[in-house]
Amino acid sequence: MKRSTPGGRMGVLRRRIECWTSRREFLHVGVVAGLGLTLGDLFLAEARALEANKGRKIAAKAKCVIHIFLPGGMAHQESFDPKPFAPVEYRGPFQSVATRIPGVHFCELWRRTAEVADKLVICRTLTHGEAAHERGTHNLFTGYRPSPAIQYPSIGSVIAHELGPATELPPYVCIPGQPNTYAGSGYLSPAYGPFSLGSDPAQNGFQVRDLALPADVEPLRFARRQRLLETVDAHFKTLESSDALDAMDSFYQRAYALLSSDNARRAFRLEEENDATRNEYGRTEAGARMLLARRLIEGGVRFVSLVTGGFDFHDRIRDGMGRVVPPIDQALAALIRDLEQRGLLETTLVMVTTEFGRTPKINPTEGRDHWPRVFSILLAGGGLKRGCVYGNSDATASDVESDPLTVEELATTVYHQMGIDGEKELMAPGNRPIEIVKDGTVVQALVS
């Protein structure tokens, strides 16, 4: 006759976790976002979601996404939609430069990106109604307009929830860390939030916090702890037979695999890149972050989100853009070329976004103010078209002239390329079903 234990199966699981916590948290190096979730908890939640979501996937053209967010609201006129023939008060302080797409020009600051434009989709008509930084940022990270009633999950968290990990690396990583609350898991479990690095790859001595063993735990001691866990597992299995216990074993083994994985550690080692590659990306914040993003998607991360620069230039936009853009331009062009040369661009969807554009007219302090009515983003790879422009703004970059692109359409298209049905409903608190994207459609004109 099988022995019963107080509290049943869940009581056993709870006591096992408490037991290990009392032993200096055998996986405390994997605690997620300060919420007390171990890597084992993360993997268990991921697997439950995968089981629940069987049969909901559609054919995927992309395996991963790199989201490059340029905060502050980058001026479309000083980036990917210059208006060289507009009156001087509209066209701004810079000249334009020809791209690899006949008849298409960028602002002269983006010369290197212009050289890879034949691999890009230039979307010039993204539009929404949010002129505040926080609300505009919410749109681009979640695909939803903000709501006071619920916090929506980020696109990265939804992808982590729907697809789970591809390798021992986490499915969703933010570089250098979660940049805002909208990049988190929202109403989903915190287990689907991003893995944050804890330091900036652009800094000397960069090391990922949660992949380093504590100073007092040598590899041999780590292995002994793993063997001790196996002994405790065997003891519990003599007390109670449980599928949940067997599953928990596999998830904690995966946690150990991550912490001991050379592949995981190597993915974060920028020092393994040769000097020529480091120099091509640029030894800058933007260069280090984009190069690390490439290494992570090579290692199997499904969604990498990185933030670089700052574009809130209400004053002296010439000086601000002239300072901020060049390292980003260099790194972005290098990333696109690198992905292409390595055969990764076709399966890696690259998004370069910002929360809104800037006003059509230069203001009295030689800057531009917030303007969400029309602005520009870039897309590349992931089964999308190449070397084309989607949508047109009017002659002064004030409004959409043709083919508006909404944040819902953008998000739905990204999900579609990743094999996720944007109309699928997820369960919010209170068993409330909510669509991954509401009222979004796939923009077929973007898809190859």
Protein backbone atom coordinates (compact mmCIF):
# COMPACT_ATOMS: atom_id res chain seq x y z
CA MET A 1 0.00 0.00 0.00
CA LYS A 2 1.35 3.40 -1.03
CA ARG A 3 2.30 5.69 1.84
CA SER A 4 0.50 9.00 1.92
CA THR A 5 2.23 12.22 2.87
CA PRO A 6 0.77 15.35 4.52
CA GLY A 7 -0.33 17.88 1.96
CA GLY A 8 -0.36 15.40 -0.92
CA ARG A 9 1.75 15.77 -4.06
CA MET A 10 1.90 19.54 -3.99
CA GLY A 11 2.97 19.37 -0.36
CA VAL A 12 5.86 17.14 -1.38
CA LEU A 13 6.90 19.58 -4.10
CA ARG A 14 6.64 22.52 -1.71
CA ARG A 15 8.73 20.78 0.93
CA ARG A 16 11.35 19.83 -1.65
CA ILE A 17 11.71 23.44 -2.69
CA GLU A 18 11.84 24.55 0.96
CA CYS A 19 14.41 21.87 1.66
CA TRP A 20 16.69 23.13 -1.06
CA THR A 21 16.10 26.76 -0.11
CA SER A 22 17.37 25.96 3.36
CA ARG A 23 20.52 24.61 1.73
CA ARG A 24 21.49 28.04 0.43
CA GLU A 25 19.12 27.80 -2.55
CA PHE A 26 20.73 25.19 -4.73
CA LEU A 27 19.83 27.22 -7.82
CA HIS A 28 19.84 30.70 -6.34
CA VAL A 29 21.99 31.87 -9.24
CA GLY A 30 18.95 31.32 -11.45
CA VAL A 31 16.46 33.39 -9.50
CA VAL A 32 14.36 35.24 -12.06
CA ALA A 33 13.92 39.01 -11.79
CA GLY A 34 14.08 39.02 -8.01
CA LEU A 35 10.70 37.27 -7.78
CA GLY A 36 11.95 34.10 -6.13
CA LEU A 37 11.38 31.93 -9.19
CA THR A 38 14.13 29.41 -9.80
CA LEU A 39 15.12 28.22 -13.22
CA GLY A 40 13.35 24.97 -12.45
CA ASP A 41 10.10 26.86 -11.85
CA LEU A 42 10.64 28.69 -15.12
CA PHE A 43 11.09 25.48 -17.09
CA LEU A 44 8.07 23.87 -15.45
CA ALA A 45 5.85 26.80 -16.39
CA GLU A 46 7.18 26.74 -19.95
CA ALA A 47 6.40 23.07 -20.39
CA ARG A 48 2.86 23.45 -19.04
CA ALA A 49 2.23 26.20 -21.59
CA LEU A 50 3.61 24.10 -24.42
CA GLU A 51 1.32 21.23 -23.49
CA ALA A 52 -1.71 23.53 -23.32
CA ASN A 53 -0.90 25.13 -26.66
CA LYS A 54 -0.45 22.02 -28.78
CA GLY A 55 -2.12 22.33 -32.14
CA ARG A 56 -2.23 26.12 -32.15
CA LYS A 57 0.93 26.81 -34.12
CA ILE A 58 1.02 27.73 -37.78
CA ALA A 59 3.85 27.28 -40.25
CA ALA A 60 6.80 29.40 -39.15
CA LYS A 61 9.16 31.22 -41.50
CA ALA A 62 11.25 32.77 -38.73
CA LYS A 63 12.98 30.99 -35.86
CA CYS A 64 13.85 34.07 -33.83
CA VAL A 65 13.43 37.83 -33.51
CA ILE A 66 15.88 40.62 -32.72
CA HIS A 67 14.00 43.72 -31.58
CA ILE A 68 16.16 46.87 -31.60
CA PHE A 69 14.28 49.64 -29.82
CA LEU A 70 15.46 53.24 -30.23
CA PRO A 71 13.86 55.09 -27.30
CA GLY A 72 12.74 58.68 -27.18
CA GLY A 73 10.83 58.86 -30.44
CA MET A 74 13.23 59.00 -33.39
CA ALA A 75 12.46 61.56 -36.07
CA HIS A 76 11.41 59.87 -39.29
CA GLN A 77 12.63 62.92 -41.23
CA GLU A 78 16.15 62.47 -39.84
CA SER A 79 16.18 58.72 -40.44
CA PHE A 80 14.28 56.72 -43.03
CA ASP A 81 11.79 59.18 -44.55
CA PRO A 82 13.65 62.41 -45.42
CA LYS A 83 11.82 65.11 -47.32
CA PRO A 84 14.55 66.87 -49.33
CA PHE A 85 12.08 68.88 -51.42
CA ALA A 86 9.94 70.11 -48.55
CA PRO A 87 10.22 73.73 -47.32
CA VAL A 88 13.24 74.29 -45.10
CA GLU A 89 11.16 74.44 -41.91
CA TYR A 90 10.02 70.87 -42.63
CA ARG A 91 13.00 69.14 -44.20
CA GLY A 92 15.40 69.74 -41.33
CA PRO A 93 19.18 70.25 -41.14
CA PHE A 94 20.47 67.19 -43.03
CA GLN A 95 20.83 66.11 -46.64
CA SER A 96 19.65 62.75 -47.93
CA VAL A 97 21.64 59.82 -49.27
CA ALA A 98 20.66 57.24 -51.89
CA THR A 99 20.07 53.67 -50.75
CA ARG A 100 20.50 50.36 -52.59
CA ILE A 101 16.82 50.62 -53.53
CA PRO A 102 16.43 52.77 -56.66
CA GLY A 103 14.75 56.08 -55.91
CA VAL A 104 14.72 55.56 -52.14
CA HIS A 105 16.72 57.85 -49.85
CA PHE A 106 17.64 57.92 -46.15
CA CYS A 107 18.92 60.78 -44.06
CA GLU A 108 22.65 61.17 -44.68
CA LEU A 109 23.42 60.06 -41.11
CA TRP A 110 22.35 56.52 -42.05
CA ARG A 111 24.83 55.93 -44.87
CA ARG A 112 25.85 52.44 -43.82
CA THR A 113 22.29 51.26 -43.32
CA ALA A 114 21.47 52.71 -46.74
CA GLU A 115 24.05 50.29 -48.16
CA VAL A 116 22.07 47.28 -46.90
CA ALA A 117 18.62 48.68 -47.75
CA ASP A 118 18.22 46.00 -50.42
CA LYS A 119 17.84 43.54 -47.53
CA LEU A 120 15.28 45.68 -45.62
CA VAL A 121 11.63 46.55 -45.57
CA ILE A 122 11.29 50.27 -44.89
CA CYS A 123 7.91 50.88 -43.26
CA ARG A 124 7.15 54.59 -43.50
CA THR A 125 3.57 54.66 -42.24
CA LEU A 126 3.47 53.18 -38.76
CA THR A 127 0.74 55.07 -36.93
CA HIS A 128 -1.02 55.23 -33.58
CA GLY A 129 -2.57 57.85 -31.35
CA GLU A 130 -0.26 57.91 -28.32
CA ALA A 131 1.97 60.99 -27.99
CA ALA A 132 3.33 60.12 -24.50
CA HIS A 133 6.58 58.16 -24.31
CA GLU A 134 5.24 55.50 -21.92
CA ARG A 135 2.09 54.83 -23.92
CA GLY A 136 3.89 54.78 -27.25
CA THR A 137 6.49 52.40 -25.85
CA HIS A 138 3.71 50.16 -24.56
CA ASN A 139 2.33 49.91 -28.10
CA LEU A 140 5.60 48.80 -29.66
CA PHE A 141 6.46 46.25 -26.97
CA THR A 142 3.02 44.63 -26.66
CA GLY A 143 1.06 45.27 -29.85
CA TYR A 144 -1.73 46.70 -27.69
CA ARG A 145 -2.94 50.16 -26.80
CA PRO A 146 -2.52 50.75 -23.05
CA SER A 147 -5.38 49.83 -20.74
CA PRO A 148 -5.91 50.83 -17.10
CA ALA A 149 -7.56 47.47 -16.44
CA ILE A 150 -4.81 45.05 -17.46
CA GLN A 151 -1.10 44.82 -18.14
CA TYR A 152 -0.52 43.11 -21.47
CA PRO A 153 2.46 40.81 -21.99
CA SER A 154 5.31 41.85 -24.25
CA ILE A 155 5.79 40.24 -27.63
CA GLY A 156 8.89 38.50 -26.26
CA SER A 157 6.94 37.03 -23.35
CA VAL A 158 4.16 35.78 -25.62
CA ILE A 159 6.73 34.08 -27.85
CA ALA A 160 8.36 32.51 -24.79
CA HIS A 161 4.93 31.33 -23.61
CA GLU A 162 3.88 29.92 -26.96
CA LEU A 163 7.12 28.37 -28.19
CA GLY A 164 9.19 27.72 -25.09
CA PRO A 165 12.98 27.31 -25.25
CA ALA A 166 14.76 26.00 -28.32
CA THR A 167 17.93 25.10 -26.42
CA GLU A 168 19.17 25.31 -22.84
CA LEU A 169 19.28 29.11 -23.24
CA PRO A 170 16.20 31.10 -22.12
CA PRO A 171 13.73 31.82 -24.92
CA TYR A 172 13.57 35.58 -24.18
CA VAL A 173 16.55 37.78 -23.33
CA CYS A 174 16.79 41.55 -22.82
CA ILE A 175 20.09 43.37 -23.40
CA PRO A 176 21.33 44.66 -21.02
CA GLY A 177 18.18 44.23 -18.91
CA GLN A 178 14.43 44.68 -18.99
CA PRO A 179 14.14 48.30 -20.18
CA ASN A 180 10.59 49.00 -18.98
CA THR A 181 7.59 47.29 -17.44
CA TYR A 182 6.04 46.78 -20.89
CA ALA A 183 8.88 44.41 -21.83
CA GLY A 184 7.69 42.01 -19.12
CA SER A 185 5.21 39.18 -18.91
CA GLY A 186 2.10 41.24 -18.11
CA TYR A 187 -0.82 39.03 -17.12
CA LEU A 188 1.19 35.90 -17.96
CA SER A 189 3.29 34.19 -15.32
CA PRO A 190 6.53 36.00 -14.40
CA ALA A 191 8.22 32.82 -15.62
CA TYR A 192 7.80 34.18 -19.17
CA GLY A 193 9.53 37.44 -18.41
CA PRO A 194 12.92 38.23 -19.94
CA PHE A 195 16.25 36.89 -18.81
CA SER A 196 18.29 40.00 -17.94
CA LEU A 197 22.06 40.09 -18.11
CA GLY A 198 22.78 42.09 -14.98
CA SER A 199 25.49 44.11 -16.75
CA ASP A 200 26.12 45.78 -20.09
CA PRO A 201 28.09 43.87 -22.76
CA ALA A 202 29.70 47.19 -23.74
CA GLN A 203 31.47 47.35 -20.35
CA ASN A 204 34.87 45.88 -19.61
CA GLY A 205 34.68 42.66 -17.64
CA PHE A 206 31.14 41.92 -18.81
CA GLN A 207 29.74 38.82 -17.12
CA VAL A 208 26.21 37.47 -17.03
CA ARG A 209 25.04 37.44 -13.42
CA ASP A 210 22.78 34.38 -13.53
CA LEU A 211 25.22 32.17 -15.41
CA ALA A 212 28.02 32.54 -12.89
CA LEU A 213 28.24 30.18 -9.94
CA PRO A 214 28.61 31.78 -6.52
CA ALA A 215 32.20 32.44 -5.53
CA ASP A 216 32.11 29.68 -2.91
CA VAL A 217 30.75 27.03 -5.30
CA GLU A 218 33.44 25.38 -7.41
CA PRO A 219 32.42 23.18 -10.37
CA LEU A 220 33.17 20.02 -8.33
CA ARG A 221 30.96 21.22 -5.49
CA PHE A 222 28.25 22.09 -8.02
CA ALA A 223 28.39 18.54 -9.38
CA ARG A 224 28.13 17.13 -5.84
CA ARG A 225 25.00 19.19 -5.26
CA GLN A 226 23.53 17.73 -8.41
CA ARG A 227 24.27 14.19 -7.21
CA LEU A 228 22.75 15.06 -3.85
CA LEU A 229 19.59 16.20 -5.60
CA GLU A 230 19.42 12.83 -7.38
CA THR A 231 19.65 11.07 -4.00
CA VAL A 232 16.82 13.17 -2.58
CA ASP A 233 14.79 12.49 -5.74
CA ALA A 234 15.13 8.75 -5.18
CA HIS A 235 13.99 9.14 -1.57
CA PHE A 236 10.86 11.04 -2.53
CA LYS A 237 10.00 8.55 -5.25
CA THR A 238 9.85 5.82 -2.58
CA LEU A 239 7.27 7.93 -0.72
CA GLU A 240 4.96 8.79 -3.56
CA SER A 241 4.67 8.04 -7.24
CA SER A 242 3.82 11.23 -9.08
CA ASP A 243 4.01 12.46 -12.65
CA ALA A 244 4.50 15.94 -11.22
CA LEU A 245 7.56 14.80 -9.29
CA ASP A 246 9.03 13.17 -12.38
CA ALA A 247 8.39 16.35 -14.34
CA MET A 248 9.96 18.51 -11.65
CA ASP A 249 13.06 16.34 -11.83
CA SER A 250 13.43 17.01 -15.56
CA PHE A 251 12.95 20.75 -15.15
CA TYR A 252 15.59 21.03 -12.44
CA GLN A 253 17.92 18.93 -14.55
CA ARG A 254 17.43 21.48 -17.32
CA ALA A 255 18.25 24.23 -14.85
CA TYR A 256 21.48 22.45 -14.01
CA ALA A 257 22.17 21.99 -17.71
CA LEU A 258 21.88 25.74 -18.28
CA LEU A 259 24.20 26.61 -15.43
CA SER A 260 26.78 24.05 -16.48
CA SER A 261 26.37 24.44 -20.25
CA ASP A 262 29.40 25.58 -22.19
CA ASN A 263 27.08 26.52 -25.06
CA ALA A 264 25.14 28.86 -22.79
CA ARG A 265 28.27 30.48 -21.42
CA ARG A 266 29.87 30.80 -24.84
CA ALA A 267 26.84 32.57 -26.28
CA PHE A 268 27.59 35.51 -23.97
CA ARG A 269 31.36 35.65 -24.62
CA LEU A 270 31.97 38.59 -26.88
CA GLU A 271 35.70 38.09 -26.38
CA GLU A 272 35.48 35.05 -28.65
CA GLU A 273 34.73 37.32 -31.60
CA ASN A 274 37.78 38.35 -33.62
CA ASP A 275 38.96 41.94 -33.81
CA ALA A 276 37.71 42.40 -37.36
CA THR A 277 34.15 41.54 -36.35
CA ARG A 278 34.27 43.67 -33.20
CA ASN A 279 35.52 46.60 -35.24
CA GLU A 280 32.91 46.11 -37.94
CA TYR A 281 30.10 46.39 -35.38
CA GLY A 282 31.97 49.13 -33.55
CA ARG A 283 33.36 49.06 -30.03
CA THR A 284 30.40 51.02 -28.75
CA GLU A 285 27.25 50.39 -26.75
CA ALA A 286 25.26 49.74 -29.91
CA GLY A 287 27.98 47.56 -31.42
CA ALA A 288 28.39 45.34 -28.36
CA ARG A 289 24.66 44.92 -27.83
CA MET A 290 23.90 44.03 -31.45
CA LEU A 291 26.83 41.64 -31.69
CA LEU A 292 25.68 39.89 -28.52
CA ALA A 293 22.17 39.67 -29.97
CA ARG A 294 23.58 37.81 -32.96
CA ARG A 295 25.47 35.40 -30.70
CA LEU A 296 22.34 34.73 -28.65
CA ILE A 297 20.12 33.88 -31.60
CA GLU A 298 22.91 31.60 -32.86
CA GLY A 299 22.72 29.89 -29.48
CA GLY A 300 18.97 29.34 -29.77
CA VAL A 301 17.33 32.32 -28.03
CA ARG A 302 13.98 32.96 -29.68
CA PHE A 303 13.51 36.65 -28.89
CA VAL A 304 16.28 39.15 -28.13
CA SER A 305 15.28 42.68 -27.19
CA LEU A 306 17.86 45.44 -26.97
CA VAL A 307 17.68 49.17 -26.39
CA THR A 308 20.27 51.68 -27.50
CA GLY A 309 20.52 55.42 -28.01
CA GLY A 310 18.13 58.19 -27.00
CA PHE A 311 16.17 60.30 -29.49
CA ASP A 312 14.02 62.75 -27.54
CA PHE A 313 15.41 65.81 -29.27
CA HIS A 314 13.04 68.69 -28.60
CA ASP A 315 16.07 70.97 -28.94
CA ARG A 316 19.01 71.11 -31.34
CA ILE A 317 18.14 67.97 -33.26
CA ARG A 318 21.13 68.41 -35.55
CA ASP A 319 23.59 68.04 -32.68
CA GLY A 320 21.66 65.24 -31.03
CA MET A 321 21.16 63.08 -34.08
CA GLY A 322 24.70 63.75 -35.27
CA ARG A 323 25.99 62.38 -31.96
CA VAL A 324 23.68 59.39 -31.43
CA VAL A 325 23.12 57.95 -34.89
CA PRO A 326 26.60 57.04 -36.26
CA PRO A 327 27.39 54.14 -33.87
CA ILE A 328 23.88 52.74 -34.31
CA ASP A 329 24.10 53.07 -38.09
CA GLN A 330 27.41 51.21 -38.09
CA ALA A 331 26.22 48.42 -35.81
CA LEU A 332 22.90 47.91 -37.58
CA ALA A 333 24.50 47.62 -41.02
CA ALA A 334 27.07 45.20 -39.59
CA LEU A 335 24.34 43.08 -37.99
CA ILE A 336 22.37 42.77 -41.22
CA ARG A 337 25.49 41.83 -43.21
CA ASP A 338 26.64 39.40 -40.55
CA LEU A 339 23.30 37.63 -40.36
CA GLU A 340 23.21 37.36 -44.15
CA GLN A 341 26.76 35.99 -44.41
CA ARG A 342 26.07 33.39 -41.75
CA GLY A 343 22.85 32.24 -43.41
CA LEU A 344 20.77 33.48 -40.47
CA LEU A 345 18.89 36.44 -41.94
CA GLU A 346 16.19 34.40 -43.64
CA THR A 347 15.16 32.85 -40.30
CA THR A 348 15.87 35.89 -38.09
CA LEU A 349 13.31 38.68 -38.10
CA VAL A 350 14.97 41.99 -37.25
CA MET A 351 12.79 44.89 -36.04
CA VAL A 352 14.09 48.43 -35.56
CA THR A 353 11.40 50.48 -33.85
CA THR A 354 10.78 53.61 -31.82
CA GLU A 355 7.71 54.78 -29.89
CA PHE A 356 6.67 57.56 -32.30
CA GLY A 357 8.05 60.08 -34.76
CA ARG A 358 8.59 63.82 -34.53
CA THR A 359 6.61 66.86 -35.61
CA PRO A 360 6.73 67.90 -39.28
CA LYS A 361 8.09 71.37 -38.54
CA ILE A 362 11.32 72.23 -36.80
CA ASN A 363 10.36 74.10 -33.60
CA PRO A 364 11.82 77.40 -32.31
CA THR A 365 14.52 75.54 -30.32
CA GLU A 366 15.70 73.71 -33.47
CA GLY A 367 14.18 70.40 -32.46
CA ARG A 368 11.05 68.40 -33.12
CA ASP A 369 8.27 67.37 -30.74
CA HIS A 370 6.21 64.17 -30.36
CA TRP A 371 4.27 62.96 -33.41
CA PRO A 372 2.57 59.52 -33.43
CA ARG A 373 0.44 60.12 -36.53
CA VAL A 374 3.08 58.78 -38.91
CA PHE A 375 6.65 57.50 -38.44
CA SER A 376 9.15 54.98 -39.76
CA ILE A 377 10.54 51.61 -38.68
CA LEU A 378 12.72 48.99 -40.36
CA LEU A 379 12.15 45.25 -40.74
CA ALA A 380 14.42 42.60 -42.21
CA GLY A 381 14.68 38.85 -42.67
CA GLY A 382 12.38 36.29 -41.12
CA GLY A 383 10.63 35.46 -44.38
CA LEU A 384 9.73 39.07 -45.14
CA LYS A 385 10.26 40.81 -48.46
CA ARG A 386 13.56 42.51 -49.23
CA GLY A 387 14.45 45.86 -50.72
CA CYS A 388 11.06 47.51 -50.60
CA VAL A 389 9.16 50.40 -49.05
CA TYR A 390 5.80 49.86 -47.39
CA GLY A 391 3.53 52.90 -47.27
CA ASN A 392 4.11 56.55 -48.03
CA SER A 393 3.80 59.66 -45.93
CA ASP A 394 2.72 62.97 -47.45
CA ALA A 395 5.06 65.64 -48.81
CA THR A 396 5.85 67.09 -45.37
CA ALA A 397 5.92 63.80 -43.40
CA SER A 398 2.83 64.98 -41.53
CA ASP A 399 0.39 62.18 -42.22
CA VAL A 400 -0.13 58.84 -43.95
CA GLU A 401 -0.66 59.14 -47.67
CA SER A 402 -1.04 55.43 -48.46
CA ASP A 403 -1.01 52.06 -46.67
CA PRO A 404 -1.12 52.89 -42.95
CA LEU A 405 0.50 50.28 -40.70
CA THR A 406 -0.97 49.83 -37.22
CA VAL A 407 0.82 48.40 -34.21
CA GLU A 408 -1.72 45.57 -34.19
CA GLU A 409 -0.89 44.68 -37.79
CA LEU A 410 2.82 44.84 -37.09
CA ALA A 411 2.57 42.56 -34.06
CA THR A 412 0.27 40.09 -35.82
CA THR A 413 2.67 39.86 -38.75
CA VAL A 414 5.64 39.23 -36.46
CA TYR A 415 3.74 36.50 -34.62
CA HIS A 416 2.65 34.97 -37.92
CA GLN A 417 6.24 34.74 -39.15
CA MET A 418 7.11 32.97 -35.89
CA GLY A 419 4.30 30.48 -36.40
CA ILE A 420 1.94 31.94 -33.81
CA ASP A 421 -1.73 32.66 -34.44
CA GLY A 422 -2.41 36.23 -33.33
CA GLU A 423 -6.12 35.46 -32.88
CA LYS A 424 -5.44 32.77 -30.30
CA GLU A 425 -6.80 33.58 -26.85
CA LEU A 426 -4.65 33.46 -23.73
CA MET A 427 -6.06 33.32 -20.22
CA ALA A 428 -5.73 36.43 -18.10
CA PRO A 429 -6.47 36.52 -14.35
CA GLY A 430 -10.04 35.56 -13.56
CA ASN A 431 -10.06 33.08 -16.45
CA ARG A 432 -10.62 35.94 -18.84
CA PRO A 433 -9.72 35.04 -22.45
CA ILE A 434 -7.74 37.72 -24.30
CA GLU A 435 -6.50 37.54 -27.87
CA ILE A 436 -2.75 37.64 -28.38
CA VAL A 437 -3.48 40.62 -30.62
CA LYS A 438 -6.89 42.25 -30.88
CA ASP A 439 -8.07 43.33 -34.33
CA GLY A 440 -4.72 42.61 -35.96
CA THR A 441 -4.21 41.13 -39.42
CA VAL A 442 -1.18 39.79 -41.23
CA VAL A 443 0.13 42.38 -43.70
CA GLN A 444 0.63 40.15 -46.71
CA ALA A 445 2.45 42.91 -48.60
CA LEU A 446 5.31 42.51 -46.11
CA VAL A 447 5.57 38.74 -46.46
CA SER A 448 7.66 37.14 -49.20
